[in-house]
Amino acid sequence: MTTAQGSLPRRRQLIRALIKLENTLPALVWLFLVFFQLAKVYEEPWVSTIGLLLINSVAMVLFVARRDAARVGNFWEGVLAVSGTFVVTLLLVVSNDEQATLGPGASRVATVVQCIGIAGWAISLITLGRSLGIAPADRGLVRHGPYRFIRHPLYAFEGLFFLGWLINVQTLSAAVIVAVWCVLQVARIVREERIIGGYDEYRQRVRWRLIPFVW
């Protein structure tokens, strides 16, 4: 009886999350990314394209079902977060098709680096679960999985993926875009850590943000 009563509020919370506009709008954006990546998989079925399809699909589901935020950042922090999320799409503009999609003809080093990045990115995303967001917000502090070792594994593995891109696409424009992305992620990290509750204790337990023994 207690279990049934306890599951009912959780079911209502999930239904409410599904119909919230701030959840469905980003989910629709990621739905577009899923279809876009699906076309890429059709053109060039490879580990990187299939991996990105998986990541975008998981993110879309998590956006729909994510929990309410106890605290959110301001407008400019939201602009910063959106810019940091989508600036790397410019890589598709500055890279030709052969470079943009790491297929069988790509550098082995680039492919391995991207595969590791995608794997860690997916694990971090699934671990983050319903706490996922773009703009800085407090949807609950995640401490398990890869978050036991570094505080922002999602950004770390995402950066590793784009490092693999740079290994394959060795152009100044691509390097500038990734460098801008890095700067924006650092700013996002600083803002997120000021908003999420319980972070002081977590910071003491997990010292490193992105790269162990570096930062």
N, C-alpha and C. Protein backbone atom coordinates (compact mmCIF):
# COMPACT_ATOMS: atom_id res chain seq x y z
N MET A 1 0.83 -1.20 0.00
CA MET A 1 0.00 0.00 0.00
C MET A 1 0.87 1.25 0.00
N THR A 2 1.91 1.22 0.84
CA THR A 2 2.81 2.37 0.92
C THR A 2 3.55 2.59 -0.38
N THR A 3 3.93 1.47 -1.02
CA THR A 3 4.66 1.57 -2.29
C THR A 3 3.80 2.20 -3.36
N ALA A 4 2.52 1.78 -3.42
CA ALA A 4 1.61 2.34 -4.43
C ALA A 4 1.39 3.82 -4.21
N GLN A 5 1.22 4.22 -2.94
CA GLN A 5 1.01 5.62 -2.64
C GLN A 5 2.25 6.46 -2.94
N GLY A 6 3.43 5.85 -2.71
CA GLY A 6 4.67 6.57 -2.96
C GLY A 6 4.96 6.72 -4.43
N SER A 7 4.51 5.71 -5.24
CA SER A 7 4.79 5.77 -6.67
C SER A 7 3.88 6.76 -7.38
N LEU A 8 2.70 7.03 -6.80
CA LEU A 8 1.74 7.92 -7.44
C LEU A 8 2.27 9.34 -7.57
N PRO A 9 2.83 9.96 -6.49
CA PRO A 9 3.40 11.31 -6.66
C PRO A 9 4.53 11.34 -7.67
N ARG A 10 5.37 10.30 -7.70
CA ARG A 10 6.46 10.26 -8.67
C ARG A 10 5.92 10.19 -10.08
N ARG A 11 4.81 9.45 -10.26
CA ARG A 11 4.20 9.36 -11.58
C ARG A 11 3.63 10.70 -12.01
N ARG A 12 3.03 11.41 -11.07
CA ARG A 12 2.51 12.73 -11.37
C ARG A 12 3.62 13.71 -11.71
N GLN A 13 4.74 13.61 -10.98
CA GLN A 13 5.88 14.48 -11.26
C GLN A 13 6.42 14.25 -12.66
N LEU A 14 6.47 12.98 -13.06
CA LEU A 14 6.98 12.65 -14.39
C LEU A 14 6.04 13.19 -15.47
N ILE A 15 4.73 13.02 -15.27
CA ILE A 15 3.75 13.53 -16.24
C ILE A 15 3.86 15.05 -16.35
N ARG A 16 3.99 15.71 -15.20
CA ARG A 16 4.13 17.17 -15.20
C ARG A 16 5.39 17.59 -15.93
N ALA A 17 6.49 16.82 -15.75
CA ALA A 17 7.74 17.14 -16.44
C ALA A 17 7.59 17.00 -17.94
N LEU A 18 6.78 16.02 -18.38
CA LEU A 18 6.62 15.77 -19.80
C LEU A 18 5.89 16.90 -20.52
N ILE A 19 5.04 17.62 -19.80
CA ILE A 19 4.23 18.65 -20.47
C ILE A 19 4.75 20.07 -20.20
N LYS A 20 5.85 20.20 -19.46
CA LYS A 20 6.39 21.52 -19.18
C LYS A 20 7.07 22.09 -20.42
N LEU A 21 6.77 23.35 -20.73
CA LEU A 21 7.29 23.99 -21.93
C LEU A 21 8.81 24.09 -21.91
N GLU A 22 9.39 24.38 -20.73
CA GLU A 22 10.85 24.51 -20.65
C GLU A 22 11.56 23.17 -20.82
N ASN A 23 10.81 22.08 -20.77
CA ASN A 23 11.37 20.76 -21.06
C ASN A 23 11.16 20.37 -22.52
N THR A 24 9.96 20.64 -23.03
CA THR A 24 9.63 20.20 -24.39
C THR A 24 10.36 21.01 -25.46
N LEU A 25 10.59 22.30 -25.21
CA LEU A 25 11.27 23.12 -26.22
C LEU A 25 12.69 22.63 -26.49
N PRO A 26 13.55 22.46 -25.46
CA PRO A 26 14.88 21.92 -25.76
C PRO A 26 14.82 20.50 -26.31
N ALA A 27 13.81 19.74 -25.89
CA ALA A 27 13.68 18.38 -26.42
C ALA A 27 13.40 18.42 -27.92
N LEU A 28 12.61 19.39 -28.37
CA LEU A 28 12.34 19.54 -29.81
C LEU A 28 13.60 19.92 -30.57
N VAL A 29 14.43 20.77 -29.96
CA VAL A 29 15.71 21.11 -30.59
C VAL A 29 16.57 19.87 -30.75
N TRP A 30 16.60 19.05 -29.70
CA TRP A 30 17.42 17.83 -29.78
C TRP A 30 16.79 16.80 -30.71
N LEU A 31 15.47 16.86 -30.88
CA LEU A 31 14.84 15.98 -31.86
C LEU A 31 15.36 16.30 -33.26
N PHE A 32 15.49 17.61 -33.55
CA PHE A 32 16.07 18.02 -34.83
C PHE A 32 17.49 17.48 -34.96
N LEU A 33 18.28 17.57 -33.88
CA LEU A 33 19.65 17.06 -33.92
C LEU A 33 19.67 15.55 -34.14
N VAL A 34 18.70 14.85 -33.57
CA VAL A 34 18.63 13.40 -33.76
C VAL A 34 18.39 13.07 -35.23
N PHE A 35 17.45 13.76 -35.87
CA PHE A 35 17.18 13.51 -37.29
C PHE A 35 18.38 13.89 -38.15
N PHE A 36 19.04 15.01 -37.79
CA PHE A 36 20.23 15.43 -38.52
C PHE A 36 21.33 14.37 -38.42
N GLN A 37 21.55 13.87 -37.21
CA GLN A 37 22.59 12.87 -37.01
C GLN A 37 22.22 11.53 -37.63
N LEU A 38 20.91 11.25 -37.68
CA LEU A 38 20.45 10.03 -38.34
C LEU A 38 20.80 10.07 -39.82
N ALA A 39 20.67 11.25 -40.43
CA ALA A 39 21.05 11.40 -41.83
C ALA A 39 22.55 11.20 -42.00
N LYS A 40 23.34 11.69 -41.02
CA LYS A 40 24.79 11.50 -41.07
C LYS A 40 25.15 10.01 -40.97
N VAL A 41 24.44 9.30 -40.12
CA VAL A 41 24.70 7.86 -39.97
C VAL A 41 24.38 7.14 -41.28
N TYR A 42 23.31 7.56 -41.94
CA TYR A 42 22.94 6.95 -43.22
C TYR A 42 24.02 7.20 -44.27
N GLU A 43 24.57 8.43 -44.27
CA GLU A 43 25.61 8.78 -45.24
C GLU A 43 26.93 8.08 -44.93
N GLU A 44 27.29 8.06 -43.65
CA GLU A 44 28.59 7.52 -43.24
C GLU A 44 28.45 6.80 -41.90
N PRO A 45 28.01 5.53 -41.92
CA PRO A 45 27.87 4.79 -40.66
C PRO A 45 29.24 4.49 -40.05
N TRP A 46 29.55 5.14 -38.97
CA TRP A 46 30.84 4.98 -38.32
C TRP A 46 30.67 5.21 -36.83
N VAL A 47 31.66 4.86 -36.05
CA VAL A 47 31.55 4.92 -34.60
C VAL A 47 31.18 6.32 -34.13
N SER A 48 31.81 7.35 -34.69
CA SER A 48 31.56 8.72 -34.23
C SER A 48 30.15 9.18 -34.56
N THR A 49 29.66 8.88 -35.78
CA THR A 49 28.32 9.32 -36.16
C THR A 49 27.25 8.56 -35.37
N ILE A 50 27.44 7.26 -35.20
CA ILE A 50 26.48 6.46 -34.43
C ILE A 50 26.51 6.89 -32.97
N GLY A 51 27.71 7.18 -32.45
CA GLY A 51 27.83 7.63 -31.07
C GLY A 51 27.12 8.94 -30.82
N LEU A 52 27.26 9.89 -31.75
CA LEU A 52 26.58 11.18 -31.60
C LEU A 52 25.06 11.02 -31.70
N LEU A 53 24.61 10.09 -32.53
CA LEU A 53 23.18 9.81 -32.61
C LEU A 53 22.67 9.30 -31.27
N LEU A 54 23.44 8.41 -30.64
CA LEU A 54 23.07 7.88 -29.33
C LEU A 54 23.01 8.99 -28.29
N ILE A 55 24.04 9.85 -28.26
CA ILE A 55 24.12 10.91 -27.27
C ILE A 55 22.97 11.89 -27.43
N ASN A 56 22.69 12.32 -28.66
CA ASN A 56 21.59 13.26 -28.89
C ASN A 56 20.23 12.64 -28.54
N SER A 57 20.08 11.35 -28.79
CA SER A 57 18.83 10.68 -28.46
C SER A 57 18.62 10.61 -26.94
N VAL A 58 19.67 10.25 -26.22
CA VAL A 58 19.58 10.19 -24.76
C VAL A 58 19.29 11.58 -24.19
N ALA A 59 19.99 12.61 -24.71
CA ALA A 59 19.78 13.97 -24.23
C ALA A 59 18.34 14.42 -24.47
N MET A 60 17.78 14.06 -25.61
CA MET A 60 16.40 14.45 -25.92
C MET A 60 15.44 13.87 -24.88
N VAL A 61 15.61 12.60 -24.56
CA VAL A 61 14.74 11.95 -23.58
C VAL A 61 14.90 12.59 -22.21
N LEU A 62 16.14 12.86 -21.82
CA LEU A 62 16.40 13.44 -20.51
C LEU A 62 15.83 14.86 -20.39
N PHE A 63 15.86 15.61 -21.48
CA PHE A 63 15.29 16.95 -21.44
C PHE A 63 13.78 16.90 -21.20
N VAL A 64 13.13 15.93 -21.81
CA VAL A 64 11.68 15.81 -21.64
C VAL A 64 11.33 15.47 -20.19
N ALA A 65 12.11 14.61 -19.57
CA ALA A 65 11.77 14.09 -18.24
C ALA A 65 12.55 14.74 -17.11
N ARG A 66 13.32 15.78 -17.36
CA ARG A 66 14.17 16.34 -16.30
C ARG A 66 13.32 16.97 -15.20
N ARG A 67 13.89 16.98 -14.00
CA ARG A 67 13.19 17.51 -12.83
C ARG A 67 13.22 19.03 -12.79
N ASP A 68 12.34 19.60 -11.99
CA ASP A 68 12.29 21.05 -11.83
C ASP A 68 13.55 21.55 -11.13
N ALA A 69 13.94 22.76 -11.47
CA ALA A 69 15.12 23.37 -10.86
C ALA A 69 14.73 24.11 -9.59
N ALA A 70 15.53 23.91 -8.53
CA ALA A 70 15.31 24.64 -7.29
C ALA A 70 15.82 26.07 -7.41
N ARG A 71 16.78 26.28 -8.29
CA ARG A 71 17.35 27.60 -8.50
C ARG A 71 17.90 27.67 -9.92
N VAL A 72 17.74 28.80 -10.59
CA VAL A 72 18.24 28.96 -11.96
C VAL A 72 19.09 30.21 -12.06
N GLY A 73 19.95 30.24 -13.09
CA GLY A 73 20.79 31.40 -13.32
C GLY A 73 20.02 32.52 -14.01
N ASN A 74 20.71 33.62 -14.23
CA ASN A 74 20.06 34.76 -14.86
C ASN A 74 20.08 34.64 -16.39
N PHE A 75 19.55 35.66 -17.05
CA PHE A 75 19.41 35.63 -18.51
C PHE A 75 20.76 35.49 -19.20
N TRP A 76 21.77 36.25 -18.76
CA TRP A 76 23.06 36.24 -19.42
C TRP A 76 23.80 34.93 -19.21
N GLU A 77 23.56 34.29 -18.08
CA GLU A 77 24.13 32.96 -17.86
C GLU A 77 23.50 31.95 -18.81
N GLY A 78 22.21 32.16 -19.10
CA GLY A 78 21.55 31.30 -20.09
C GLY A 78 22.11 31.51 -21.48
N VAL A 79 22.37 32.76 -21.85
CA VAL A 79 22.98 33.06 -23.15
C VAL A 79 24.35 32.42 -23.24
N LEU A 80 25.12 32.53 -22.16
CA LEU A 80 26.45 31.92 -22.12
C LEU A 80 26.37 30.41 -22.33
N ALA A 81 25.41 29.77 -21.66
CA ALA A 81 25.27 28.32 -21.76
C ALA A 81 24.85 27.87 -23.15
N VAL A 82 23.89 28.59 -23.74
CA VAL A 82 23.44 28.24 -25.09
C VAL A 82 24.56 28.43 -26.10
N SER A 83 25.32 29.52 -25.95
CA SER A 83 26.46 29.76 -26.84
C SER A 83 27.49 28.65 -26.71
N GLY A 84 27.77 28.26 -25.47
CA GLY A 84 28.74 27.19 -25.25
C GLY A 84 28.30 25.84 -25.78
N THR A 85 26.97 25.65 -25.83
CA THR A 85 26.45 24.37 -26.32
C THR A 85 26.50 24.27 -27.84
N PHE A 86 26.17 25.36 -28.52
CA PHE A 86 25.97 25.29 -29.97
C PHE A 86 27.09 25.91 -30.81
N VAL A 87 28.08 26.55 -30.20
CA VAL A 87 29.13 27.19 -30.99
C VAL A 87 29.90 26.15 -31.82
N VAL A 88 30.00 24.93 -31.31
CA VAL A 88 30.77 23.91 -32.03
C VAL A 88 30.07 23.43 -33.29
N THR A 89 28.78 23.78 -33.46
CA THR A 89 28.12 23.41 -34.71
C THR A 89 28.75 24.14 -35.90
N LEU A 90 29.49 25.21 -35.62
CA LEU A 90 30.20 25.92 -36.68
C LEU A 90 31.29 25.05 -37.29
N LEU A 91 31.70 24.01 -36.59
CA LEU A 91 32.70 23.09 -37.16
C LEU A 91 32.18 22.45 -38.44
N LEU A 92 30.87 22.25 -38.51
CA LEU A 92 30.29 21.68 -39.73
C LEU A 92 30.38 22.65 -40.90
N VAL A 93 30.45 23.95 -40.58
CA VAL A 93 30.54 24.96 -41.63
C VAL A 93 31.96 25.06 -42.17
N VAL A 94 32.94 24.99 -41.27
CA VAL A 94 34.34 25.19 -41.68
C VAL A 94 35.02 23.90 -42.11
N SER A 95 34.35 22.76 -41.96
CA SER A 95 34.94 21.47 -42.34
C SER A 95 34.17 20.90 -43.53
N ASN A 96 34.90 20.33 -44.48
CA ASN A 96 34.20 19.68 -45.58
C ASN A 96 33.67 18.32 -45.13
N ASP A 97 32.89 17.68 -45.97
CA ASP A 97 32.23 16.44 -45.56
C ASP A 97 33.21 15.35 -45.16
N GLU A 98 34.31 15.24 -45.89
CA GLU A 98 35.28 14.19 -45.58
C GLU A 98 35.92 14.40 -44.23
N GLN A 99 36.13 15.68 -43.85
CA GLN A 99 36.75 15.97 -42.58
C GLN A 99 35.75 15.93 -41.43
N ALA A 100 34.53 16.40 -41.69
CA ALA A 100 33.55 16.53 -40.62
C ALA A 100 33.10 15.18 -40.09
N THR A 101 33.02 14.19 -40.93
CA THR A 101 32.62 12.86 -40.51
C THR A 101 33.83 11.95 -40.48
N LEU A 102 34.16 11.49 -39.29
CA LEU A 102 35.33 10.62 -39.17
C LEU A 102 34.94 9.20 -39.56
N GLY A 103 35.18 8.86 -40.78
CA GLY A 103 34.84 7.55 -41.29
C GLY A 103 36.05 6.64 -41.35
N PRO A 104 35.96 5.57 -42.12
CA PRO A 104 37.06 4.60 -42.20
C PRO A 104 38.37 5.21 -42.71
N GLY A 105 38.29 6.30 -43.46
CA GLY A 105 39.52 6.90 -43.98
C GLY A 105 40.17 7.91 -43.05
N ALA A 106 39.60 8.13 -41.88
CA ALA A 106 40.12 9.12 -40.95
C ALA A 106 41.35 8.59 -40.22
N SER A 107 42.06 9.49 -39.58
CA SER A 107 43.21 9.12 -38.76
C SER A 107 42.79 8.16 -37.65
N ARG A 108 43.60 7.12 -37.44
CA ARG A 108 43.27 6.17 -36.37
C ARG A 108 43.31 6.83 -35.01
N VAL A 109 44.27 7.72 -34.83
CA VAL A 109 44.38 8.42 -33.54
C VAL A 109 43.12 9.25 -33.29
N ALA A 110 42.68 9.98 -34.32
CA ALA A 110 41.47 10.80 -34.19
C ALA A 110 40.26 9.94 -33.87
N THR A 111 40.16 8.80 -34.52
CA THR A 111 39.01 7.91 -34.30
C THR A 111 39.02 7.36 -32.89
N VAL A 112 40.18 6.92 -32.40
CA VAL A 112 40.28 6.38 -31.04
C VAL A 112 39.94 7.44 -30.01
N VAL A 113 40.49 8.65 -30.19
CA VAL A 113 40.22 9.74 -29.26
C VAL A 113 38.73 10.06 -29.23
N GLN A 114 38.10 10.11 -30.40
CA GLN A 114 36.67 10.41 -30.44
C GLN A 114 35.84 9.28 -29.84
N CYS A 115 36.25 8.06 -30.04
CA CYS A 115 35.50 6.93 -29.46
C CYS A 115 35.54 6.98 -27.93
N ILE A 116 36.72 7.28 -27.38
CA ILE A 116 36.84 7.41 -25.93
C ILE A 116 35.98 8.57 -25.44
N GLY A 117 36.03 9.69 -26.18
CA GLY A 117 35.24 10.84 -25.81
C GLY A 117 33.75 10.56 -25.84
N ILE A 118 33.29 9.88 -26.87
CA ILE A 118 31.87 9.56 -26.99
C ILE A 118 31.43 8.62 -25.87
N ALA A 119 32.25 7.61 -25.57
CA ALA A 119 31.89 6.66 -24.51
C ALA A 119 31.76 7.37 -23.16
N GLY A 120 32.76 8.19 -22.83
CA GLY A 120 32.70 8.91 -21.56
C GLY A 120 31.57 9.93 -21.53
N TRP A 121 31.34 10.57 -22.66
CA TRP A 121 30.27 11.56 -22.80
C TRP A 121 28.92 10.89 -22.54
N ALA A 122 28.69 9.73 -23.14
CA ALA A 122 27.42 9.02 -22.97
C ALA A 122 27.23 8.56 -21.52
N ILE A 123 28.29 8.02 -20.91
CA ILE A 123 28.19 7.55 -19.52
C ILE A 123 27.89 8.71 -18.59
N SER A 124 28.57 9.84 -18.81
CA SER A 124 28.34 11.02 -17.97
C SER A 124 26.93 11.55 -18.13
N LEU A 125 26.44 11.53 -19.35
CA LEU A 125 25.09 12.02 -19.64
C LEU A 125 24.04 11.16 -18.96
N ILE A 126 24.19 9.85 -19.06
CA ILE A 126 23.24 8.93 -18.43
C ILE A 126 23.31 9.06 -16.91
N THR A 127 24.52 9.23 -16.38
CA THR A 127 24.69 9.40 -14.93
C THR A 127 24.02 10.68 -14.45
N LEU A 128 24.15 11.75 -15.23
CA LEU A 128 23.53 13.02 -14.87
C LEU A 128 22.02 12.89 -14.83
N GLY A 129 21.46 12.12 -15.74
CA GLY A 129 20.03 11.79 -15.71
C GLY A 129 19.12 13.01 -15.76
N ARG A 130 18.15 13.05 -14.88
CA ARG A 130 17.14 14.10 -14.89
C ARG A 130 17.65 15.44 -14.36
N SER A 131 18.92 15.50 -13.99
CA SER A 131 19.54 16.77 -13.58
C SER A 131 20.12 17.52 -14.77
N LEU A 132 19.97 16.98 -15.96
CA LEU A 132 20.53 17.59 -17.17
C LEU A 132 19.91 18.96 -17.44
N GLY A 133 20.74 19.89 -17.87
CA GLY A 133 20.25 21.20 -18.27
C GLY A 133 21.27 21.90 -19.15
N ILE A 134 20.85 22.99 -19.78
CA ILE A 134 21.76 23.81 -20.57
C ILE A 134 22.22 25.00 -19.74
N ALA A 135 21.27 25.83 -19.33
CA ALA A 135 21.60 26.98 -18.49
C ALA A 135 21.90 26.52 -17.07
N PRO A 136 22.74 27.27 -16.34
CA PRO A 136 23.05 26.91 -14.95
C PRO A 136 21.77 26.83 -14.11
N ALA A 137 21.57 25.71 -13.42
CA ALA A 137 20.39 25.51 -12.60
C ALA A 137 20.67 24.41 -11.59
N ASP A 138 19.96 24.46 -10.48
CA ASP A 138 20.12 23.45 -9.44
C ASP A 138 19.00 22.43 -9.56
N ARG A 139 19.30 21.29 -10.20
CA ARG A 139 18.35 20.19 -10.32
C ARG A 139 18.82 18.98 -9.52
N GLY A 140 19.67 19.24 -8.55
CA GLY A 140 20.20 18.17 -7.72
C GLY A 140 21.64 17.87 -8.07
N LEU A 141 22.45 17.71 -7.05
CA LEU A 141 23.87 17.46 -7.23
C LEU A 141 24.13 15.97 -7.46
N VAL A 142 24.79 15.64 -8.54
CA VAL A 142 25.13 14.25 -8.87
C VAL A 142 26.55 13.96 -8.38
N ARG A 143 26.71 12.89 -7.60
CA ARG A 143 28.01 12.57 -7.01
C ARG A 143 28.54 11.20 -7.39
N HIS A 144 27.76 10.40 -8.09
CA HIS A 144 28.17 9.03 -8.38
C HIS A 144 28.70 8.90 -9.81
N GLY A 145 29.08 7.68 -10.17
CA GLY A 145 29.62 7.44 -11.51
C GLY A 145 30.90 8.24 -11.74
N PRO A 146 31.09 8.75 -12.94
CA PRO A 146 32.31 9.53 -13.23
C PRO A 146 32.41 10.81 -12.42
N TYR A 147 31.29 11.25 -11.82
CA TYR A 147 31.31 12.45 -10.99
C TYR A 147 32.00 12.22 -9.65
N ARG A 148 32.40 10.99 -9.38
CA ARG A 148 33.20 10.71 -8.19
C ARG A 148 34.65 11.12 -8.38
N PHE A 149 35.08 11.25 -9.63
CA PHE A 149 36.50 11.47 -9.92
C PHE A 149 36.80 12.89 -10.38
N ILE A 150 35.94 13.45 -11.21
CA ILE A 150 36.06 14.86 -11.60
C ILE A 150 34.66 15.48 -11.54
N ARG A 151 34.61 16.80 -11.37
CA ARG A 151 33.32 17.43 -11.10
C ARG A 151 32.51 17.69 -12.37
N HIS A 152 33.17 17.73 -13.51
CA HIS A 152 32.45 18.02 -14.77
C HIS A 152 32.88 17.04 -15.88
N PRO A 153 32.62 15.75 -15.69
CA PRO A 153 33.06 14.77 -16.70
C PRO A 153 32.36 14.94 -18.05
N LEU A 154 31.13 15.46 -18.03
CA LEU A 154 30.41 15.66 -19.29
C LEU A 154 31.18 16.60 -20.20
N TYR A 155 31.64 17.72 -19.67
CA TYR A 155 32.41 18.68 -20.45
C TYR A 155 33.78 18.11 -20.82
N ALA A 156 34.37 17.35 -19.90
CA ALA A 156 35.70 16.80 -20.15
C ALA A 156 35.69 15.84 -21.34
N PHE A 157 34.74 14.93 -21.37
CA PHE A 157 34.69 13.96 -22.46
C PHE A 157 34.19 14.59 -23.76
N GLU A 158 33.33 15.59 -23.63
CA GLU A 158 32.91 16.33 -24.81
C GLU A 158 34.12 17.02 -25.44
N GLY A 159 34.96 17.61 -24.59
CA GLY A 159 36.19 18.24 -25.08
C GLY A 159 37.13 17.24 -25.73
N LEU A 160 37.18 16.01 -25.18
CA LEU A 160 38.02 14.98 -25.78
C LEU A 160 37.52 14.62 -27.17
N PHE A 161 36.21 14.60 -27.33
CA PHE A 161 35.63 14.32 -28.64
C PHE A 161 36.06 15.38 -29.66
N PHE A 162 36.01 16.65 -29.27
CA PHE A 162 36.39 17.72 -30.19
C PHE A 162 37.90 17.78 -30.41
N LEU A 163 38.66 17.28 -29.46
CA LEU A 163 40.10 17.14 -29.68
C LEU A 163 40.35 16.16 -30.82
N GLY A 164 39.59 15.06 -30.83
CA GLY A 164 39.70 14.10 -31.93
C GLY A 164 39.33 14.74 -33.25
N TRP A 165 38.35 15.63 -33.22
CA TRP A 165 37.97 16.37 -34.43
C TRP A 165 39.15 17.21 -34.93
N LEU A 166 39.81 17.92 -34.00
CA LEU A 166 40.93 18.78 -34.38
C LEU A 166 42.11 17.98 -34.92
N ILE A 167 42.30 16.78 -34.39
CA ILE A 167 43.38 15.93 -34.91
C ILE A 167 43.14 15.60 -36.37
N ASN A 168 41.86 15.45 -36.72
CA ASN A 168 41.52 15.11 -38.10
C ASN A 168 41.36 16.34 -38.98
N VAL A 169 40.86 17.44 -38.41
CA VAL A 169 40.62 18.68 -39.17
C VAL A 169 41.61 19.72 -38.68
N GLN A 170 42.77 19.73 -39.23
CA GLN A 170 43.85 20.60 -38.75
C GLN A 170 43.82 21.94 -39.48
N THR A 171 42.82 22.77 -39.13
CA THR A 171 42.69 24.09 -39.73
C THR A 171 42.61 25.13 -38.61
N LEU A 172 43.00 26.37 -38.93
CA LEU A 172 42.97 27.45 -37.96
C LEU A 172 41.54 27.76 -37.52
N SER A 173 40.61 27.76 -38.47
CA SER A 173 39.22 28.09 -38.14
C SER A 173 38.62 27.07 -37.17
N ALA A 174 38.91 25.80 -37.38
CA ALA A 174 38.41 24.76 -36.47
C ALA A 174 39.03 24.92 -35.08
N ALA A 175 40.33 25.24 -35.04
CA ALA A 175 41.01 25.43 -33.76
C ALA A 175 40.44 26.62 -33.00
N VAL A 176 40.11 27.70 -33.71
CA VAL A 176 39.53 28.88 -33.07
C VAL A 176 38.16 28.55 -32.48
N ILE A 177 37.35 27.81 -33.22
CA ILE A 177 36.02 27.45 -32.74
C ILE A 177 36.10 26.61 -31.48
N VAL A 178 36.99 25.62 -31.48
CA VAL A 178 37.14 24.77 -30.30
C VAL A 178 37.71 25.57 -29.13
N ALA A 179 38.61 26.50 -29.41
CA ALA A 179 39.17 27.35 -28.35
C ALA A 179 38.08 28.22 -27.72
N VAL A 180 37.21 28.78 -28.55
CA VAL A 180 36.09 29.58 -28.03
C VAL A 180 35.17 28.70 -27.20
N TRP A 181 34.92 27.49 -27.67
CA TRP A 181 34.10 26.54 -26.92
C TRP A 181 34.71 26.29 -25.54
N CYS A 182 36.03 26.10 -25.48
CA CYS A 182 36.71 25.83 -24.20
C CYS A 182 36.53 27.00 -23.23
N VAL A 183 36.69 28.21 -23.73
CA VAL A 183 36.53 29.40 -22.88
C VAL A 183 35.11 29.48 -22.33
N LEU A 184 34.12 29.22 -23.18
CA LEU A 184 32.73 29.27 -22.75
C LEU A 184 32.42 28.19 -21.72
N GLN A 185 33.01 27.01 -21.87
CA GLN A 185 32.77 25.93 -20.90
C GLN A 185 33.36 26.27 -19.55
N VAL A 186 34.53 26.89 -19.55
CA VAL A 186 35.14 27.30 -18.27
C VAL A 186 34.23 28.29 -17.56
N ALA A 187 33.68 29.25 -18.31
CA ALA A 187 32.76 30.22 -17.72
C ALA A 187 31.50 29.53 -17.21
N ARG A 188 30.98 28.56 -17.95
CA ARG A 188 29.80 27.82 -17.52
C ARG A 188 30.07 27.07 -16.22
N ILE A 189 31.23 26.45 -16.14
CA ILE A 189 31.60 25.68 -14.96
C ILE A 189 31.61 26.57 -13.72
N VAL A 190 32.23 27.73 -13.83
CA VAL A 190 32.32 28.66 -12.71
C VAL A 190 30.93 29.07 -12.24
N ARG A 191 30.04 29.37 -13.18
CA ARG A 191 28.69 29.79 -12.82
C ARG A 191 27.87 28.64 -12.23
N GLU A 192 27.99 27.46 -12.80
CA GLU A 192 27.23 26.31 -12.31
C GLU A 192 27.59 25.98 -10.87
N GLU A 193 28.88 26.07 -10.56
CA GLU A 193 29.33 25.71 -9.21
C GLU A 193 28.84 26.69 -8.16
N ARG A 194 28.44 27.88 -8.56
CA ARG A 194 27.92 28.87 -7.62
C ARG A 194 26.42 28.71 -7.39
N ILE A 195 25.76 27.96 -8.25
CA ILE A 195 24.30 27.84 -8.18
C ILE A 195 23.85 26.55 -7.52
N ILE A 196 24.54 25.46 -7.79
CA ILE A 196 24.09 24.15 -7.30
C ILE A 196 24.31 24.04 -5.80
N GLY A 197 23.28 23.65 -5.09
CA GLY A 197 23.36 23.51 -3.64
C GLY A 197 24.24 22.34 -3.22
N GLY A 198 24.94 22.51 -2.09
CA GLY A 198 25.80 21.45 -1.56
C GLY A 198 27.14 21.34 -2.24
N TYR A 199 27.49 22.34 -3.05
CA TYR A 199 28.70 22.21 -3.86
C TYR A 199 29.98 22.39 -3.05
N ASP A 200 29.93 23.13 -1.96
CA ASP A 200 31.14 23.34 -1.17
C ASP A 200 31.69 22.02 -0.62
N GLU A 201 30.79 21.21 -0.10
CA GLU A 201 31.21 19.90 0.42
C GLU A 201 31.70 19.00 -0.72
N TYR A 202 30.98 19.02 -1.83
CA TYR A 202 31.37 18.21 -2.99
C TYR A 202 32.73 18.63 -3.52
N ARG A 203 33.01 19.93 -3.54
CA ARG A 203 34.30 20.45 -4.00
C ARG A 203 35.45 19.94 -3.13
N GLN A 204 35.19 19.80 -1.85
CA GLN A 204 36.23 19.30 -0.95
C GLN A 204 36.51 17.82 -1.18
N ARG A 205 35.48 17.06 -1.55
CA ARG A 205 35.64 15.62 -1.77
C ARG A 205 36.22 15.32 -3.14
N VAL A 206 35.82 16.09 -4.16
CA VAL A 206 36.30 15.89 -5.53
C VAL A 206 37.05 17.16 -5.93
N ARG A 207 38.36 17.08 -5.97
CA ARG A 207 39.18 18.29 -6.11
C ARG A 207 39.18 18.85 -7.52
N TRP A 208 39.24 17.96 -8.53
CA TRP A 208 39.50 18.41 -9.89
C TRP A 208 38.22 18.62 -10.68
N ARG A 209 38.20 19.69 -11.48
CA ARG A 209 37.03 20.00 -12.29
C ARG A 209 36.98 19.17 -13.55
N LEU A 210 38.02 19.25 -14.37
CA LEU A 210 38.03 18.62 -15.70
C LEU A 210 39.15 17.60 -15.88
N ILE A 211 40.37 18.01 -15.54
CA ILE A 211 41.54 17.18 -15.79
C ILE A 211 42.24 16.92 -14.47
N PRO A 212 42.31 15.65 -14.02
CA PRO A 212 42.97 15.35 -12.75
C PRO A 212 44.40 15.88 -12.71
N PHE A 213 44.76 16.47 -11.57
CA PHE A 213 46.08 17.02 -11.31
C PHE A 213 46.42 18.27 -12.13
N VAL A 214 45.44 18.76 -12.89
CA VAL A 214 45.67 19.98 -13.69
C VAL A 214 44.68 21.06 -13.27
N TRP A 215 43.37 20.79 -13.43
CA TRP A 215 42.35 21.79 -13.08
C TRP A 215 40.99 21.14 -12.82
